[in-house]
Amino acid sequence: MSPTYDLNKIKFATGEATFQRAVNLYERGKVTNVKEAFGVYSAVVQGTKPYRVSVSGRRYKEVHCECYLGKRGTLCKHAVALALHAVMDGKPMRDEDKHYTSEIKRSDKREALSEEELAAVKTSITESMRYLKPYRGPSKTWFANQDSLQEGCNRLRAIISDLPVNRLSVDLLVKLLMRLEKKLSTGGVDDSNGIVGGLAGELVALLEEFARTDPACIDAFKPLCGKEYCFGWEEPLVRMFDRRDAKG
């Protein structure tokens, strides 16, 4: 059977260093003797020595590895490399497959999105926001909840980094900023690690950069004005709007 997860699940749910090391193992042919039985993939992965590794085809982080980290229940590069082999079926990875978005980057694109592209972006944002789950469970599930927050934020970073620099994108990102604020203020999300807040800070910095590149984008900051928010992320954008409004 094919895994129920895909490459994006692996990329966005794995730390950058572990993902890149796993890609290196996979591309160098270090994942050998791959077998699948009853929904579980097994292999021998060559690290500092050969390690026997298994990965569930249904639940990405249900793994076992003989290495030091694997024996302690930590997701290791050997297990991730095997998961990559499972989803890629041994085929080469494209450059974009290997690219890891650890922070928001400004795109060089300027052309407007088509209606279909815009609809797809909105859908992707909504799907990514579902990973920003409230935390109401026992303490033993807290780490899994934080992992989910990190995955959702990584997915959002990839989407945001691909948006063109124009007013339509800024409208979309301002709405996203307000959705993030709502998630934390009334949505029950535990952001004690600053995962969501860190994304919001990156988003505000990008919006400021968009506005400096195209001052017409400042108009999109108006919905943030005249309201009280819990976290103050919007303040630099409101100041830009107020300064522009005063000059006008």
Protein backbone atom coordinates (compact mmCIF):
# COMPACT_ATOMS: atom_id res chain seq x y z
CA MET A 1 0.00 0.00 0.00
CA SER A 2 1.04 3.60 -0.51
CA PRO A 3 1.50 5.81 2.57
CA THR A 4 -1.49 7.87 3.62
CA TYR A 5 0.78 10.91 4.08
CA ASP A 6 2.71 12.79 1.40
CA LEU A 7 5.96 14.70 0.98
CA ASN A 8 4.49 17.90 2.40
CA LYS A 9 3.48 16.10 5.57
CA ILE A 10 7.05 14.93 6.03
CA LYS A 11 8.55 18.33 5.22
CA PHE A 12 6.28 20.48 7.35
CA ALA A 13 6.11 18.11 10.33
CA THR A 14 9.89 17.66 10.59
CA GLY A 15 12.53 20.05 11.87
CA GLU A 16 14.72 21.62 9.21
CA ALA A 17 18.01 19.98 10.27
CA THR A 18 16.49 16.50 10.49
CA PHE A 19 14.69 16.91 7.16
CA GLN A 20 17.82 18.05 5.30
CA ARG A 21 19.91 15.24 6.76
CA ALA A 22 17.22 12.75 5.77
CA VAL A 23 17.17 14.13 2.22
CA ASN A 24 20.93 13.68 2.09
CA LEU A 25 20.65 10.04 3.17
CA TYR A 26 17.86 9.37 0.68
CA GLU A 27 19.64 10.99 -2.26
CA ARG A 28 22.89 9.15 -1.53
CA GLY A 29 21.11 5.80 -1.71
CA LYS A 30 21.57 5.04 1.99
CA VAL A 31 18.04 3.61 2.32
CA THR A 32 18.36 -0.06 1.33
CA ASN A 33 16.44 -3.33 1.50
CA VAL A 34 13.10 -1.52 1.61
CA LYS A 35 10.09 -3.73 2.25
CA GLU A 36 6.41 -3.09 2.93
CA ALA A 37 4.11 -5.42 4.80
CA PHE A 38 0.77 -4.78 6.48
CA GLY A 39 1.12 -1.01 6.14
CA VAL A 40 4.61 -0.82 7.65
CA TYR A 41 7.79 0.03 5.74
CA SER A 42 11.09 -1.43 6.90
CA ALA A 43 14.64 -0.91 5.65
CA VAL A 44 18.29 -0.79 6.53
CA VAL A 45 19.53 2.80 6.56
CA GLN A 46 23.26 3.41 6.49
CA GLY A 47 24.26 6.10 9.01
CA THR A 48 27.40 5.88 11.07
CA LYS A 49 26.55 2.19 10.84
CA PRO A 50 23.63 0.22 9.35
CA TYR A 51 20.41 0.74 11.31
CA ARG A 52 17.22 -1.26 11.01
CA VAL A 53 14.33 1.16 10.67
CA SER A 54 10.54 0.89 10.37
CA VAL A 55 7.92 3.52 9.61
CA SER A 56 4.14 3.25 9.62
CA GLY A 57 2.50 4.00 6.30
CA ARG A 58 -0.53 5.41 8.11
CA ARG A 59 0.96 7.57 10.86
CA TYR A 60 4.08 9.42 9.84
CA LYS A 61 5.68 9.70 13.28
CA GLU A 62 5.01 6.11 14.30
CA VAL A 63 8.58 4.90 13.76
CA HIS A 64 11.32 2.71 15.18
CA CYS A 65 15.07 3.00 14.68
CA GLU A 66 18.05 1.36 16.32
CA CYS A 67 20.03 4.61 16.50
CA TYR A 68 20.64 6.60 19.69
CA LEU A 69 17.79 9.04 19.05
CA GLY A 70 15.39 6.42 17.80
CA LYS A 71 15.78 4.33 20.94
CA ARG A 72 14.69 7.38 22.94
CA GLY A 73 11.57 7.98 20.89
CA THR A 74 12.94 10.96 18.96
CA LEU A 75 12.19 11.27 15.25
CA CYS A 76 15.57 10.69 13.59
CA LYS A 77 17.00 11.29 10.12
CA HIS A 78 17.04 7.54 9.39
CA ALA A 79 13.28 7.19 9.92
CA VAL A 80 12.56 10.34 7.90
CA ALA A 81 14.77 9.07 5.07
CA LEU A 82 12.74 5.85 4.95
CA ALA A 83 9.49 7.84 4.96
CA LEU A 84 10.84 9.86 2.02
CA HIS A 85 11.59 6.63 0.17
CA ALA A 86 8.04 5.44 0.85
CA VAL A 87 6.34 8.54 -0.56
CA MET A 88 8.82 9.05 -3.42
CA ASP A 89 8.96 5.34 -4.28
CA GLY A 90 12.71 5.67 -4.70
CA LYS A 91 12.39 8.37 -7.40
CA PRO A 92 14.62 11.49 -7.46
CA MET A 93 13.45 14.58 -5.58
CA ARG A 94 12.98 17.89 -7.38
CA ASP A 95 14.75 20.99 -6.04
CA GLU A 96 11.44 22.41 -4.81
CA ASP A 97 10.76 19.13 -2.98
CA LYS A 98 13.94 19.62 -0.99
CA HIS A 99 13.41 23.30 -0.21
CA TYR A 100 12.52 23.89 3.44
CA THR A 101 10.76 27.12 4.39
CA SER A 102 11.86 27.90 7.94
CA GLU A 103 10.87 31.56 7.72
CA ILE A 104 8.76 33.73 5.45
CA LYS A 105 10.55 34.99 2.36
CA ARG A 106 9.32 37.72 0.02
CA SER A 107 8.48 36.46 -3.43
CA ASP A 108 9.80 38.20 -6.55
CA LYS A 109 6.44 37.70 -8.24
CA ARG A 110 4.26 40.70 -9.11
CA GLU A 111 1.59 39.31 -11.41
CA ALA A 112 -1.88 38.97 -9.89
CA LEU A 113 -3.26 35.55 -9.05
CA SER A 114 -6.03 34.21 -11.26
CA GLU A 115 -9.39 33.48 -9.67
CA GLU A 116 -8.55 29.78 -9.62
CA GLU A 117 -5.13 30.40 -8.05
CA LEU A 118 -6.62 32.71 -5.44
CA ALA A 119 -9.26 30.14 -4.54
CA ALA A 120 -6.55 27.47 -4.20
CA VAL A 121 -4.48 29.71 -1.92
CA LYS A 122 -7.49 30.44 0.30
CA THR A 123 -8.22 26.71 0.55
CA SER A 124 -4.59 25.96 1.44
CA ILE A 125 -4.61 28.63 4.14
CA THR A 126 -7.81 27.26 5.66
CA GLU A 127 -6.41 23.72 5.63
CA SER A 128 -3.17 24.90 7.25
CA MET A 129 -5.05 26.82 9.94
CA ARG A 130 -6.65 23.56 11.07
CA TYR A 131 -3.26 22.53 12.48
CA LEU A 132 -3.44 25.48 14.91
CA LYS A 133 -5.51 23.46 17.33
CA PRO A 134 -6.69 24.48 20.80
CA TYR A 135 -5.06 22.71 23.69
CA ARG A 136 -7.46 21.19 26.19
CA GLY A 137 -6.01 17.73 26.75
CA PRO A 138 -3.84 16.18 29.45
CA SER A 139 -0.24 17.32 29.84
CA LYS A 140 1.08 14.23 28.02
CA THR A 141 -0.49 15.49 24.76
CA TRP A 142 1.02 18.98 24.98
CA PHE A 143 4.09 18.18 22.87
CA ALA A 144 1.95 16.67 20.12
CA ASN A 145 -0.17 19.83 20.18
CA GLN A 146 2.92 22.02 19.83
CA ASP A 147 4.13 19.86 16.94
CA SER A 148 0.78 20.48 15.24
CA LEU A 149 1.17 24.25 15.71
CA GLN A 150 4.65 24.09 14.19
CA GLU A 151 3.43 22.09 11.21
CA GLY A 152 0.58 24.52 10.57
CA CYS A 153 2.90 27.52 10.76
CA ASN A 154 5.43 25.87 8.44
CA ARG A 155 2.66 25.19 5.93
CA LEU A 156 1.52 28.82 6.13
CA ARG A 157 5.09 30.08 5.64
CA ALA A 158 5.37 28.14 2.39
CA ILE A 159 2.07 29.55 1.12
CA ILE A 160 2.89 33.13 2.11
CA SER A 161 6.38 32.98 0.60
CA ASP A 162 4.90 32.15 -2.81
CA LEU A 163 2.45 35.07 -2.95
CA PRO A 164 3.09 37.91 -5.41
CA VAL A 165 3.76 41.44 -4.13
CA ASN A 166 0.48 43.26 -4.78
CA ARG A 167 -2.60 44.65 -3.07
CA LEU A 168 -4.63 41.45 -3.46
CA SER A 169 -2.00 39.47 -1.57
CA VAL A 170 -1.89 42.09 1.19
CA ASP A 171 -5.68 41.91 1.61
CA LEU A 172 -5.34 38.17 2.03
CA LEU A 173 -2.45 38.45 4.51
CA VAL A 174 -4.16 41.10 6.66
CA LYS A 175 -7.11 38.75 7.02
CA LEU A 176 -4.71 35.94 7.93
CA LEU A 177 -3.10 38.13 10.61
CA MET A 178 -6.52 38.76 12.14
CA ARG A 179 -7.30 35.04 12.03
CA LEU A 180 -4.06 34.27 13.87
CA GLU A 181 -4.93 36.85 16.52
CA LYS A 182 -8.37 35.29 16.96
CA LYS A 183 -6.87 31.80 17.28
CA LEU A 184 -4.78 32.94 20.22
CA SER A 185 -7.17 35.38 21.90
CA THR A 186 -10.37 33.32 21.80
CA GLY A 187 -9.48 30.02 20.07
CA GLY A 188 -7.82 28.27 22.97
CA VAL A 189 -4.43 27.88 21.28
CA ASP A 190 -1.56 27.49 23.76
CA ASP A 191 1.29 29.52 22.27
CA SER A 192 3.57 29.43 25.31
CA ASN A 193 6.41 28.43 22.96
CA GLY A 194 5.74 31.45 20.73
CA ILE A 195 5.24 29.37 17.61
CA VAL A 196 2.19 31.22 16.28
CA GLY A 197 3.39 34.58 17.59
CA GLY A 198 6.65 34.10 15.74
CA LEU A 199 4.78 33.53 12.49
CA ALA A 200 2.67 36.64 13.10
CA GLY A 201 5.81 38.72 13.64
CA GLU A 202 7.26 37.47 10.35
CA LEU A 203 3.98 38.22 8.61
CA VAL A 204 3.89 41.82 9.88
CA ALA A 205 7.50 42.36 8.73
CA LEU A 206 6.55 41.05 5.27
CA LEU A 207 3.50 43.33 5.10
CA GLU A 208 5.71 46.32 5.96
CA GLU A 209 8.08 45.30 3.18
CA PHE A 210 5.19 44.95 0.72
CA ALA A 211 4.00 48.44 1.66
CA ARG A 212 7.45 49.96 1.12
CA THR A 213 7.67 48.24 -2.27
CA ASP A 214 4.15 49.30 -3.31
CA PRO A 215 2.63 52.11 -1.18
CA ALA A 216 -0.82 51.29 -2.58
CA CYS A 217 -0.73 48.22 -0.34
CA ILE A 218 -1.06 50.47 2.73
CA ASP A 219 -4.77 50.89 1.96
CA ALA A 220 -5.24 47.23 2.91
CA PHE A 221 -4.21 48.02 6.53
CA LYS A 222 -7.41 50.00 7.19
CA PRO A 223 -9.35 47.03 8.70
CA LEU A 224 -6.71 46.91 11.46
CA CYS A 225 -7.32 50.50 12.53
CA GLY A 226 -9.59 51.64 15.38
CA LYS A 227 -9.70 48.22 17.04
CA GLU A 228 -8.11 46.77 20.12
CA TYR A 229 -6.17 43.54 19.71
CA CYS A 230 -4.58 41.42 22.40
CA PHE A 231 -1.07 41.10 21.01
CA GLY A 232 -0.25 44.39 19.31
CA TRP A 233 1.07 42.78 16.14
CA GLU A 234 -0.89 45.24 14.05
CA GLU A 235 0.64 48.41 15.54
CA PRO A 236 3.44 48.95 12.95
CA LEU A 237 0.91 48.56 10.14
CA VAL A 238 -1.57 50.94 11.75
CA ARG A 239 1.20 53.53 12.16
CA MET A 240 2.03 53.24 8.47
CA PHE A 241 -1.62 53.75 7.59
CA ASP A 242 -1.99 56.72 9.94
CA ARG A 243 1.16 58.44 8.64
CA ARG A 244 0.06 57.97 5.05
CA ASP A 245 -3.46 59.17 5.90
CA ALA A 246 -2.14 62.27 7.67
CA LYS A 247 0.00 63.21 4.66
CA GLY A 248 -2.90 62.67 2.31
